Amino acid sequence: MADELKIFSGNTHPELINSICEYLGTPPGQIEVSQFGNENIFVRILENVRGRDVFIVQPISTPVNRSLMELLIMIDAARRASAKRVTAVLPYYGYARTDKKDQPRVPITARLVADLITVAGAGRVLALDLHAGQIQGFFSIPVDELTALYILSDYFAEKKLEDLVVVATDVGISKRARDLAERLNAPLAIIEKRRIDNTDSTEIHHVIGEVEGRPTLLFDDEIDSAGSITSAATALSKYGAKEVYACCTHPILSGPAIERIANSPLKEVVVTDSVPVPESKRIDKITVLSLASLIGEAIHRIHADLSIGAMFQS
């Protein structure tokens, strides 16, 4: 068929595309993505995509800059091969934290990345839990944003934690944390913190809400070096929390993250596979949930011109 679905990916997260294609009952597209000795990236699509509906799945994660260049070059290759439509599927949007000028003479890199993806030839973007909602507005093409909130909330609902309190790691994430709390029929507390500098150092000030003697669930969109989440867990313990769990969509887990989690009061950290989580980082405290059905269903609905929003109507 001229509008046949084709799904490709680069080298960043092959396990995820294999799971997505298994959900959809279609094989991954055949593509060569390699790097020359001079570090230039080469892409060659190994099957016909003329008139096809092409989806390119690539989180912009470690190695971030290579992942981004692979994505851009794959989009360009598909466009030049006369694909009917190219959708960039971004389980993780790298550079999302640089979404505004919060200091003099700094860039808005999240906007720059959006421009690059658009100029490369993407006609649509499918993203997952963007760090800031305004990033959707950085694109001049349609953007569908998925959320892992339902997958995470279902996991904790099955645990049946009595008298649970959902805790936002800071004020900025409180709206999404409130959505999670409503799904779990739990109250919301908020960690008040102040960032010390441009590093991952933070200073915990106060826990707003009642957590003493109750199990708590920390929520954030991303865990990078785990400084914020483990500091928040320590603060909750000092405030008398019975148990401390945590969940997030994007487990970047860079630098000392695993060591910090291992040595923290956290009982369990539940994440998704929006980025690869190697076996070396899958310690007992970390649980990884699959996004294959969520992303696969969204790809199917975009391909069939069906509603994405209907996926989240309960």
C-alpha atoms as a PDB file:
ATOM      1  CA  MET A   1       0.000   0.000   0.000  1.00  0.00           C
ATOM      2  CA  ALA A   2       1.183   3.503  -0.764  1.00  0.00           C
ATOM      3  CA  ASP A   3       0.362   4.680   2.765  1.00  0.00           C
ATOM      4  CA  GLU A   4       1.926   1.662   4.490  1.00  0.00           C
ATOM      5  CA  LEU A   5       3.251   2.264   8.005  1.00  0.00           C
ATOM      6  CA  LYS A   6       7.035   2.223   8.381  1.00  0.00           C
ATOM      7  CA  ILE A   7       8.879   2.595  11.705  1.00  0.00           C
ATOM      8  CA  PHE A   8      12.598   3.306  11.935  1.00  0.00           C
ATOM      9  CA  SER A   9      15.052   4.151  14.700  1.00  0.00           C
ATOM     10  CA  GLY A  10      18.679   5.016  15.193  1.00  0.00           C
ATOM     11  CA  ASN A  11      21.145   3.440  17.597  1.00  0.00           C
ATOM     12  CA  THR A  12      19.955   5.091  20.827  1.00  0.00           C
ATOM     13  CA  HIS A  13      17.199   2.742  22.003  1.00  0.00           C
ATOM     14  CA  PRO A  14      16.708  -0.361  19.788  1.00  0.00           C
ATOM     15  CA  GLU A  15      14.936  -2.263  22.600  1.00  0.00           C
ATOM     16  CA  LEU A  16      12.105   0.261  22.647  1.00  0.00           C
ATOM     17  CA  ILE A  17      11.438   0.199  18.908  1.00  0.00           C
ATOM     18  CA  ASN A  18      11.462  -3.607  18.940  1.00  0.00           C
ATOM     19  CA  SER A  19       8.818  -3.593  21.696  1.00  0.00           C
ATOM     20  CA  ILE A  20       6.728  -0.981  19.860  1.00  0.00           C
ATOM     21  CA  CYS A  21       6.856  -2.938  16.613  1.00  0.00           C
ATOM     22  CA  GLU A  22       5.938  -6.119  18.468  1.00  0.00           C
ATOM     23  CA  TYR A  23       2.871  -4.336  19.858  1.00  0.00           C
ATOM     24  CA  LEU A  24       1.909  -3.138  16.365  1.00  0.00           C
ATOM     25  CA  GLY A  25       2.636  -6.477  14.720  1.00  0.00           C
ATOM     26  CA  THR A  26       4.984  -4.921  12.169  1.00  0.00           C
ATOM     27  CA  PRO A  27       8.745  -5.403  11.717  1.00  0.00           C
ATOM     28  CA  PRO A  28      11.138  -2.508  12.366  1.00  0.00           C
ATOM     29  CA  GLY A  29      12.147  -0.685   9.208  1.00  0.00           C
ATOM     30  CA  GLN A  30      15.490  -1.607   7.690  1.00  0.00           C
ATOM     31  CA  ILE A  31      17.966   1.242   8.032  1.00  0.00           C
ATOM     32  CA  GLU A  32      21.711   1.704   8.291  1.00  0.00           C
ATOM     33  CA  VAL A  33      22.877   4.333  10.777  1.00  0.00           C
ATOM     34  CA  SER A  34      26.640   4.415  11.256  1.00  0.00           C
ATOM     35  CA  GLN A  35      29.515   6.768  11.972  1.00  0.00           C
ATOM     36  CA  PHE A  36      32.629   7.320   9.876  1.00  0.00           C
ATOM     37  CA  GLY A  37      36.095   7.618  11.365  1.00  0.00           C
ATOM     38  CA  ASN A  38      35.775  11.406  11.171  1.00  0.00           C
ATOM     39  CA  GLU A  39      32.634  11.179  13.376  1.00  0.00           C
ATOM     40  CA  ASN A  40      30.310  12.129  10.510  1.00  0.00           C
ATOM     41  CA  ILE A  41      27.030  10.167  10.708  1.00  0.00           C
ATOM     42  CA  PHE A  42      25.815   8.219   7.691  1.00  0.00           C
ATOM     43  CA  VAL A  43      22.221   7.083   7.154  1.00  0.00           C
ATOM     44  CA  ARG A  44      20.794   4.872   4.441  1.00  0.00           C
ATOM     45  CA  ILE A  45      17.207   3.643   4.406  1.00  0.00           C
ATOM     46  CA  LEU A  46      17.314   0.084   3.085  1.00  0.00           C
ATOM     47  CA  GLU A  47      13.737  -0.229   1.838  1.00  0.00           C
ATOM     48  CA  ASN A  48      11.248   1.761  -0.217  1.00  0.00           C
ATOM     49  CA  VAL A  49       9.450   4.530   1.696  1.00  0.00           C
ATOM     50  CA  ARG A  50       8.012   6.463  -1.247  1.00  0.00           C
ATOM     51  CA  GLY A  51       4.479   7.511  -0.341  1.00  0.00           C
ATOM     52  CA  ARG A  52       4.726   5.761   3.043  1.00  0.00           C
ATOM     53  CA  ASP A  53       3.774   7.059   6.482  1.00  0.00           C
ATOM     54  CA  VAL A  54       7.152   7.050   8.254  1.00  0.00           C
ATOM     55  CA  PHE A  55       7.714   7.198  12.021  1.00  0.00           C
ATOM     56  CA  ILE A  56      11.232   7.707  13.370  1.00  0.00           C
ATOM     57  CA  VAL A  57      11.603   6.715  17.026  1.00  0.00           C
ATOM     58  CA  GLN A  58      14.603   8.261  18.767  1.00  0.00           C
ATOM     59  CA  PRO A  59      14.967   9.610  22.303  1.00  0.00           C
ATOM     60  CA  ILE A  60      17.440  12.501  22.426  1.00  0.00           C
ATOM     61  CA  SER A  61      19.386  10.868  25.234  1.00  0.00           C
ATOM     62  CA  THR A  62      22.923   9.613  25.898  1.00  0.00           C
ATOM     63  CA  PRO A  63      24.916  10.152  23.761  1.00  0.00           C
ATOM     64  CA  VAL A  64      22.730  13.232  23.396  1.00  0.00           C
ATOM     65  CA  ASN A  65      24.379  15.048  20.503  1.00  0.00           C
ATOM     66  CA  ARG A  66      24.869  11.907  18.429  1.00  0.00           C
ATOM     67  CA  SER A  67      21.264  10.894  19.100  1.00  0.00           C
ATOM     68  CA  LEU A  68      20.070  14.292  17.924  1.00  0.00           C
ATOM     69  CA  MET A  69      22.159  14.219  14.748  1.00  0.00           C
ATOM     70  CA  GLU A  70      21.020  10.676  13.954  1.00  0.00           C
ATOM     71  CA  LEU A  71      17.425  11.828  14.331  1.00  0.00           C
ATOM     72  CA  LEU A  72      17.860  14.856  12.069  1.00  0.00           C
ATOM     73  CA  ILE A  73      19.687  12.916   9.375  1.00  0.00           C
ATOM     74  CA  MET A  74      17.136  10.069   9.427  1.00  0.00           C
ATOM     75  CA  ILE A  75      14.319  12.600   9.004  1.00  0.00           C
ATOM     76  CA  ASP A  76      16.157  14.229   6.098  1.00  0.00           C
ATOM     77  CA  ALA A  77      16.805  10.834   4.477  1.00  0.00           C
ATOM     78  CA  ALA A  78      13.125   9.858   4.726  1.00  0.00           C
ATOM     79  CA  ARG A  79      11.982  13.202   3.319  1.00  0.00           C
ATOM     80  CA  ARG A  80      14.417  12.970   0.405  1.00  0.00           C
ATOM     81  CA  ALA A  81      13.214   9.401  -0.244  1.00  0.00           C
ATOM     82  CA  SER A  82       9.726  10.844  -0.860  1.00  0.00           C
ATOM     83  CA  ALA A  83       8.004   9.609   2.287  1.00  0.00           C
ATOM     84  CA  LYS A  84       4.387  10.798   2.391  1.00  0.00           C
ATOM     85  CA  ARG A  85       4.753  12.032   5.961  1.00  0.00           C
ATOM     86  CA  VAL A  86       7.557  11.864   8.537  1.00  0.00           C
ATOM     87  CA  THR A  87       6.695  11.842  12.234  1.00  0.00           C
ATOM     88  CA  ALA A  88       9.481  12.297  14.786  1.00  0.00           C
ATOM     89  CA  VAL A  89       8.684  10.139  17.830  1.00  0.00           C
ATOM     90  CA  LEU A  90      10.582  11.556  20.817  1.00  0.00           C
ATOM     91  CA  PRO A  91      10.200   9.444  23.967  1.00  0.00           C
ATOM     92  CA  TYR A  92      12.640  11.890  25.565  1.00  0.00           C
ATOM     93  CA  TYR A  93      13.229  15.459  24.390  1.00  0.00           C
ATOM     94  CA  GLY A  94      16.842  16.376  25.088  1.00  0.00           C
ATOM     95  CA  TYR A  95      17.695  20.003  25.919  1.00  0.00           C
ATOM     96  CA  ALA A  96      14.136  20.471  27.231  1.00  0.00           C
ATOM     97  CA  ARG A  97      15.366  22.113  30.440  1.00  0.00           C
ATOM     98  CA  THR A  98      16.753  25.057  28.471  1.00  0.00           C
ATOM     99  CA  ASP A  99      13.264  26.284  27.596  1.00  0.00           C
ATOM    100  CA  LYS A 100      13.575  29.956  28.581  1.00  0.00           C
ATOM    101  CA  LYS A 101      16.079  32.728  29.260  1.00  0.00           C
ATOM    102  CA  ASP A 102      16.408  32.608  33.031  1.00  0.00           C
ATOM    103  CA  GLN A 103      19.833  34.291  33.021  1.00  0.00           C
ATOM    104  CA  PRO A 104      21.445  36.967  30.838  1.00  0.00           C
ATOM    105  CA  ARG A 105      23.062  35.855  27.566  1.00  0.00           C
ATOM    106  CA  VAL A 106      21.876  32.239  27.581  1.00  0.00           C
ATOM    107  CA  PRO A 107      20.210  30.347  24.699  1.00  0.00           C
ATOM    108  CA  ILE A 108      16.773  28.777  24.423  1.00  0.00           C
ATOM    109  CA  THR A 109      18.102  25.453  23.173  1.00  0.00           C
ATOM    110  CA  ALA A 110      14.766  23.653  23.382  1.00  0.00           C
ATOM    111  CA  ARG A 111      13.468  26.055  20.720  1.00  0.00           C
ATOM    112  CA  LEU A 112      16.591  25.563  18.595  1.00  0.00           C
ATOM    113  CA  VAL A 113      16.106  21.772  18.663  1.00  0.00           C
ATOM    114  CA  ALA A 114      12.468  22.239  17.620  1.00  0.00           C
ATOM    115  CA  ASP A 115      13.579  24.356  14.670  1.00  0.00           C
ATOM    116  CA  LEU A 116      16.165  21.757  13.638  1.00  0.00           C
ATOM    117  CA  ILE A 117      13.604  18.935  13.694  1.00  0.00           C
ATOM    118  CA  THR A 118      11.162  21.001  11.635  1.00  0.00           C
ATOM    119  CA  VAL A 119      13.733  22.134   9.071  1.00  0.00           C
ATOM    120  CA  ALA A 120      15.016  18.550   8.725  1.00  0.00           C
ATOM    121  CA  GLY A 121      11.594  17.629   7.352  1.00  0.00           C
ATOM    122  CA  ALA A 122       9.406  16.274  10.135  1.00  0.00           C
ATOM    123  CA  GLY A 123       5.727  16.922   9.476  1.00  0.00           C
ATOM    124  CA  ARG A 124       4.613  15.959  12.963  1.00  0.00           C
ATOM    125  CA  VAL A 125       6.066  15.296  16.424  1.00  0.00           C
ATOM    126  CA  LEU A 126       4.965  12.712  18.978  1.00  0.00           C
ATOM    127  CA  ALA A 127       6.545  13.458  22.360  1.00  0.00           C
ATOM    128  CA  LEU A 128       6.269  12.133  25.899  1.00  0.00           C
ATOM    129  CA  ASP A 129       5.985  14.219  29.085  1.00  0.00           C
ATOM    130  CA  LEU A 130       7.828  17.320  27.920  1.00  0.00           C
ATOM    131  CA  HIS A 131       9.672  19.145  30.691  1.00  0.00           C
ATOM    132  CA  ALA A 132       7.682  22.307  29.960  1.00  0.00           C
ATOM    133  CA  GLY A 133       4.355  22.581  28.170  1.00  0.00           C
ATOM    134  CA  GLN A 134       5.547  25.655  26.272  1.00  0.00           C
ATOM    135  CA  ILE A 135       7.877  23.457  24.195  1.00  0.00           C
ATOM    136  CA  GLN A 136       4.848  22.397  22.138  1.00  0.00           C
ATOM    137  CA  GLY A 137       4.602  26.019  21.013  1.00  0.00           C
ATOM    138  CA  PHE A 138       8.205  26.004  19.803  1.00  0.00           C
ATOM    139  CA  PHE A 139       7.107  23.906  16.816  1.00  0.00           C
ATOM    140  CA  SER A 140       5.273  25.180  13.740  1.00  0.00           C
ATOM    141  CA  ILE A 141       4.091  21.612  13.013  1.00  0.00           C
ATOM    142  CA  PRO A 142       1.519  19.530  14.944  1.00  0.00           C
ATOM    143  CA  VAL A 143       2.732  18.125  18.278  1.00  0.00           C
ATOM    144  CA  ASP A 144       1.013  15.294  20.156  1.00  0.00           C
ATOM    145  CA  GLU A 145       2.175  14.915  23.760  1.00  0.00           C
ATOM    146  CA  LEU A 146       1.674  11.614  25.540  1.00  0.00           C
ATOM    147  CA  THR A 147       1.941  11.109  29.277  1.00  0.00           C
ATOM    148  CA  ALA A 148       3.144   8.149  31.317  1.00  0.00           C
ATOM    149  CA  LEU A 149       1.059   9.319  34.275  1.00  0.00           C
ATOM    150  CA  TYR A 150      -1.572   6.611  33.737  1.00  0.00           C
ATOM    151  CA  ILE A 151       1.019   3.834  33.557  1.00  0.00           C
ATOM    152  CA  LEU A 152       2.699   5.074  36.742  1.00  0.00           C
ATOM    153  CA  SER A 153      -0.563   5.618  38.615  1.00  0.00           C
ATOM    154  CA  ASP A 154      -1.884   2.170  37.674  1.00  0.00           C
ATOM    155  CA  TYR A 155       1.283   0.584  39.058  1.00  0.00           C
ATOM    156  CA  PHE A 156       0.918   2.291  42.427  1.00  0.00           C
ATOM    157  CA  ALA A 157      -2.844   1.774  42.537  1.00  0.00           C
ATOM    158  CA  GLU A 158      -2.175  -1.967  42.451  1.00  0.00           C
ATOM    159  CA  LYS A 159       0.091  -1.616  45.497  1.00  0.00           C
ATOM    160  CA  LYS A 160      -2.883  -0.361  47.541  1.00  0.00           C
ATOM    161  CA  LEU A 161      -0.709   1.822  49.790  1.00  0.00           C
ATOM    162  CA  GLU A 162      -2.996   2.892  52.614  1.00  0.00           C
ATOM    163  CA  ASP A 163      -3.128   6.612  53.453  1.00  0.00           C
ATOM    164  CA  LEU A 164      -0.715   7.491  50.606  1.00  0.00           C
ATOM    165  CA  VAL A 165       0.463  11.086  50.037  1.00  0.00           C
ATOM    166  CA  VAL A 166       1.745  12.169  46.608  1.00  0.00           C
ATOM    167  CA  VAL A 167       4.623  14.661  46.887  1.00  0.00           C
ATOM    168  CA  ALA A 168       5.737  17.051  44.147  1.00  0.00           C
ATOM    169  CA  THR A 169       9.508  17.506  44.152  1.00  0.00           C
ATOM    170  CA  ASP A 170       9.043  21.245  43.573  1.00  0.00           C
ATOM    171  CA  VAL A 171       6.349  23.813  42.835  1.00  0.00           C
ATOM    172  CA  GLY A 172       6.990  23.618  39.079  1.00  0.00           C
ATOM    173  CA  ILE A 173       5.866  19.990  38.830  1.00  0.00           C
ATOM    174  CA  SER A 174       2.942  20.390  41.233  1.00  0.00           C
ATOM    175  CA  LYS A 175       0.213  20.486  38.561  1.00  0.00           C
ATOM    176  CA  ARG A 176       1.201  17.114  37.132  1.00  0.00           C
ATOM    177  CA  ALA A 177       1.738  15.750  40.629  1.00  0.00           C
ATOM    178  CA  ARG A 178      -1.800  16.876  41.479  1.00  0.00           C
ATOM    179  CA  ASP A 179      -3.096  14.918  38.474  1.00  0.00           C
ATOM    180  CA  LEU A 180      -1.303  11.830  39.798  1.00  0.00           C
ATOM    181  CA  ALA A 181      -2.717  12.420  43.279  1.00  0.00           C
ATOM    182  CA  GLU A 182      -6.247  12.644  41.865  1.00  0.00           C
ATOM    183  CA  ARG A 183      -5.754   9.382  39.984  1.00  0.00           C
ATOM    184  CA  LEU A 184      -4.664   7.704  43.231  1.00  0.00           C
ATOM    185  CA  ASN A 185      -7.314   9.474  45.333  1.00  0.00           C
ATOM    186  CA  ALA A 186      -4.525  10.825  47.543  1.00  0.00           C
ATOM    187  CA  PRO A 187      -3.678  14.263  48.976  1.00  0.00           C
ATOM    188  CA  LEU A 188      -0.807  16.333  47.598  1.00  0.00           C
ATOM    189  CA  ALA A 189       2.237  17.687  49.404  1.00  0.00           C
ATOM    190  CA  ILE A 190       4.988  19.861  47.911  1.00  0.00           C
ATOM    191  CA  ILE A 191       8.718  20.087  48.558  1.00  0.00           C
ATOM    192  CA  GLU A 192       9.827  23.726  48.681  1.00  0.00           C
ATOM    193  CA  LYS A 193      13.421  23.992  47.493  1.00  0.00           C
ATOM    194  CA  ARG A 194      15.916  26.508  46.175  1.00  0.00           C
ATOM    195  CA  ARG A 195      18.503  25.763  43.500  1.00  0.00           C
ATOM    196  CA  ILE A 196      21.917  26.923  44.673  1.00  0.00           C
ATOM    197  CA  ASP A 197      23.630  27.328  41.287  1.00  0.00           C
ATOM    198  CA  ASN A 198      23.721  25.903  37.751  1.00  0.00           C
ATOM    199  CA  THR A 199      24.747  22.494  39.085  1.00  0.00           C
ATOM    200  CA  ASP A 200      22.426  19.841  40.461  1.00  0.00           C
ATOM    201  CA  SER A 201      22.865  21.133  44.030  1.00  0.00           C
ATOM    202  CA  THR A 202      19.630  22.047  45.783  1.00  0.00           C
ATOM    203  CA  GLU A 203      18.733  23.047  49.316  1.00  0.00           C
ATOM    204  CA  ILE A 204      15.534  21.624  50.790  1.00  0.00           C
ATOM    205  CA  HIS A 205      13.575  24.207  52.788  1.00  0.00           C
ATOM    206  CA  HIS A 206      10.206  22.825  53.763  1.00  0.00           C
ATOM    207  CA  VAL A 207       7.642  20.076  53.186  1.00  0.00           C
ATOM    208  CA  ILE A 208       4.237  21.668  52.590  1.00  0.00           C
ATOM    209  CA  GLY A 209       1.635  19.110  53.633  1.00  0.00           C
ATOM    210  CA  GLU A 210       1.090  16.363  56.198  1.00  0.00           C
ATOM    211  CA  VAL A 211       3.310  13.307  55.669  1.00  0.00           C
ATOM    212  CA  GLU A 212       4.076  12.055  59.185  1.00  0.00           C
ATOM    213  CA  GLY A 213       3.366   8.353  59.623  1.00  0.00           C
ATOM    214  CA  ARG A 214       2.154   7.956  56.022  1.00  0.00           C
ATOM    215  CA  PRO A 215       3.639   6.347  52.878  1.00  0.00           C
ATOM    216  CA  THR A 216       4.729   8.995  50.383  1.00  0.00           C
ATOM    217  CA  LEU A 217       5.210   8.990  46.622  1.00  0.00           C
ATOM    218  CA  LEU A 218       7.624  11.538  45.170  1.00  0.00           C
ATOM    219  CA  PHE A 219       6.808  12.568  41.604  1.00  0.00           C
ATOM    220  CA  ASP A 220       8.958  14.281  38.982  1.00  0.00           C
ATOM    221  CA  ASP A 221       9.170  14.173  35.198  1.00  0.00           C
ATOM    222  CA  GLU A 222      12.884  13.302  35.156  1.00  0.00           C
ATOM    223  CA  ILE A 223      15.611  11.934  37.423  1.00  0.00           C
ATOM    224  CA  ASP A 224      19.017  13.079  36.218  1.00  0.00           C
ATOM    225  CA  SER A 225      21.783  12.929  38.847  1.00  0.00           C
ATOM    226  CA  ALA A 226      19.158  12.067  41.515  1.00  0.00           C
ATOM    227  CA  GLY A 227      20.285  14.926  43.767  1.00  0.00           C
ATOM    228  CA  SER A 228      16.818  16.488  44.015  1.00  0.00           C
ATOM    229  CA  ILE A 229      14.877  13.258  44.454  1.00  0.00           C
ATOM    230  CA  THR A 230      17.172  11.825  47.128  1.00  0.00           C
ATOM    231  CA  SER A 231      17.315  15.135  49.015  1.00  0.00           C
ATOM    232  CA  ALA A 232      13.524  15.212  48.926  1.00  0.00           C
ATOM    233  CA  ALA A 233      13.391  11.617  50.197  1.00  0.00           C
ATOM    234  CA  THR A 234      15.687  12.547  53.086  1.00  0.00           C
ATOM    235  CA  ALA A 235      13.496  15.544  53.915  1.00  0.00           C
ATOM    236  CA  LEU A 236      10.366  13.378  53.927  1.00  0.00           C
ATOM    237  CA  SER A 237      12.039  10.905  56.259  1.00  0.00           C
ATOM    238  CA  LYS A 238      12.958  13.744  58.630  1.00  0.00           C
ATOM    239  CA  TYR A 239       9.323  14.859  58.543  1.00  0.00           C
ATOM    240  CA  GLY A 240       8.281  11.387  59.669  1.00  0.00           C
ATOM    241  CA  ALA A 241       7.135   9.733  56.437  1.00  0.00           C
ATOM    242  CA  LYS A 242       6.483   6.021  56.962  1.00  0.00           C
ATOM    243  CA  GLU A 243       7.893   4.974  53.556  1.00  0.00           C
ATOM    244  CA  VAL A 244       9.229   6.926  50.587  1.00  0.00           C
ATOM    245  CA  TYR A 245       8.615   5.830  46.999  1.00  0.00           C
ATOM    246  CA  ALA A 246       9.415   7.807  43.850  1.00  0.00           C
ATOM    247  CA  CYS A 247       8.362   7.725  40.215  1.00  0.00           C
ATOM    248  CA  CYS A 248       9.265   9.578  37.052  1.00  0.00           C
ATOM    249  CA  THR A 249       8.925   9.246  33.296  1.00  0.00           C
ATOM    250  CA  HIS A 250      12.525   9.837  32.231  1.00  0.00           C
ATOM    251  CA  PRO A 251      15.301   7.928  34.099  1.00  0.00           C
ATOM    252  CA  ILE A 252      18.428   9.734  32.872  1.00  0.00           C
ATOM    253  CA  LEU A 253      20.340   8.471  35.937  1.00  0.00           C
ATOM    254  CA  SER A 254      23.601  10.240  35.147  1.00  0.00           C
ATOM    255  CA  GLY A 255      26.794  10.409  37.202  1.00  0.00           C
ATOM    256  CA  PRO A 256      26.257   9.451  40.853  1.00  0.00           C
ATOM    257  CA  ALA A 257      22.499   8.819  40.464  1.00  0.00           C
ATOM    258  CA  ILE A 258      22.504   5.081  41.149  1.00  0.00           C
ATOM    259  CA  GLU A 259      24.798   5.399  44.162  1.00  0.00           C
ATOM    260  CA  ARG A 260      22.646   8.195  45.567  1.00  0.00           C
ATOM    261  CA  ILE A 261      19.452   6.170  45.131  1.00  0.00           C
ATOM    262  CA  ALA A 262      21.038   3.081  46.654  1.00  0.00           C
ATOM    263  CA  ASN A 263      22.120   5.041  49.745  1.00  0.00           C
ATOM    264  CA  SER A 264      18.887   7.018  50.115  1.00  0.00           C
ATOM    265  CA  PRO A 265      15.721   6.344  52.148  1.00  0.00           C
ATOM    266  CA  LEU A 266      13.884   5.565  48.888  1.00  0.00           C
ATOM    267  CA  LYS A 267      12.189   2.166  49.032  1.00  0.00           C
ATOM    268  CA  GLU A 268      11.431   1.920  45.302  1.00  0.00           C
ATOM    269  CA  VAL A 269      11.928   4.152  42.253  1.00  0.00           C
ATOM    270  CA  VAL A 270       9.513   3.418  39.399  1.00  0.00           C
ATOM    271  CA  VAL A 271      10.471   4.701  35.937  1.00  0.00           C
ATOM    272  CA  THR A 272       9.667   4.039  32.286  1.00  0.00           C
ATOM    273  CA  ASP A 273      11.872   2.964  29.394  1.00  0.00           C
ATOM    274  CA  SER A 274      11.648   6.324  27.606  1.00  0.00           C
ATOM    275  CA  VAL A 275      15.458   6.141  27.587  1.00  0.00           C
ATOM    276  CA  PRO A 276      17.610   3.019  27.881  1.00  0.00           C
ATOM    277  CA  VAL A 277      18.189   1.766  31.431  1.00  0.00           C
ATOM    278  CA  PRO A 278      21.195  -0.572  31.201  1.00  0.00           C
ATOM    279  CA  GLU A 279      21.448  -3.621  33.438  1.00  0.00           C
ATOM    280  CA  SER A 280      24.235  -1.937  35.411  1.00  0.00           C
ATOM    281  CA  LYS A 281      21.691   0.660  36.597  1.00  0.00           C
ATOM    282  CA  ARG A 282      18.825  -1.738  37.327  1.00  0.00           C
ATOM    283  CA  ILE A 283      19.453  -2.112  41.021  1.00  0.00           C
ATOM    284  CA  ASP A 284      16.822  -3.695  43.267  1.00  0.00           C
ATOM    285  CA  LYS A 285      15.272  -0.330  44.092  1.00  0.00           C
ATOM    286  CA  ILE A 286      14.557   0.518  40.434  1.00  0.00           C
ATOM    287  CA  THR A 287      11.488  -0.786  38.563  1.00  0.00           C
ATOM    288  CA  VAL A 288      11.205  -0.107  34.808  1.00  0.00           C
ATOM    289  CA  LEU A 289       7.774  -0.017  33.138  1.00  0.00           C
ATOM    290  CA  SER A 290       7.337  -0.425  29.378  1.00  0.00           C
ATOM    291  CA  LEU A 291       6.006   2.353  27.144  1.00  0.00           C
ATOM    292  CA  ALA A 292       5.577   0.081  24.116  1.00  0.00           C
ATOM    293  CA  SER A 293       1.781  -0.124  24.241  1.00  0.00           C
ATOM    294  CA  LEU A 294       1.371   3.615  24.908  1.00  0.00           C
ATOM    295  CA  ILE A 295       3.639   4.763  22.071  1.00  0.00           C
ATOM    296  CA  GLY A 296       2.547   1.937  19.776  1.00  0.00           C
ATOM    297  CA  GLU A 297      -1.132   2.816  20.188  1.00  0.00           C
ATOM    298  CA  ALA A 298      -0.385   6.500  19.547  1.00  0.00           C
ATOM    299  CA  ILE A 299       1.512   5.636  16.350  1.00  0.00           C
ATOM    300  CA  HIS A 300      -1.421   3.486  15.212  1.00  0.00           C
ATOM    301  CA  ARG A 301      -3.880   6.303  15.903  1.00  0.00           C
ATOM    302  CA  ILE A 302      -1.817   8.936  14.066  1.00  0.00           C
ATOM    303  CA  HIS A 303      -1.434   6.601  11.105  1.00  0.00           C
ATOM    304  CA  ALA A 304      -5.184   5.893  11.051  1.00  0.00           C
ATOM    305  CA  ASP A 305      -6.149   9.556  11.664  1.00  0.00           C
ATOM    306  CA  LEU A 306      -7.783   8.709  14.992  1.00  0.00           C
ATOM    307  CA  SER A 307      -7.884  10.772  18.186  1.00  0.00           C
ATOM    308  CA  ILE A 308      -4.873  10.717  20.504  1.00  0.00           C
ATOM    309  CA  GLY A 309      -6.807  12.416  23.281  1.00  0.00           C
ATOM    310  CA  ALA A 310      -9.274   9.522  23.380  1.00  0.00           C
ATOM    311  CA  MET A 311      -6.478   7.339  24.745  1.00  0.00           C
ATOM    312  CA  PHE A 312      -6.597   9.245  28.028  1.00  0.00           C
ATOM    313  CA  GLN A 313     -10.344   9.566  28.499  1.00  0.00           C
ATOM    314  CA  SER A 314     -11.425   7.399  31.415  1.00  0.00           C
END
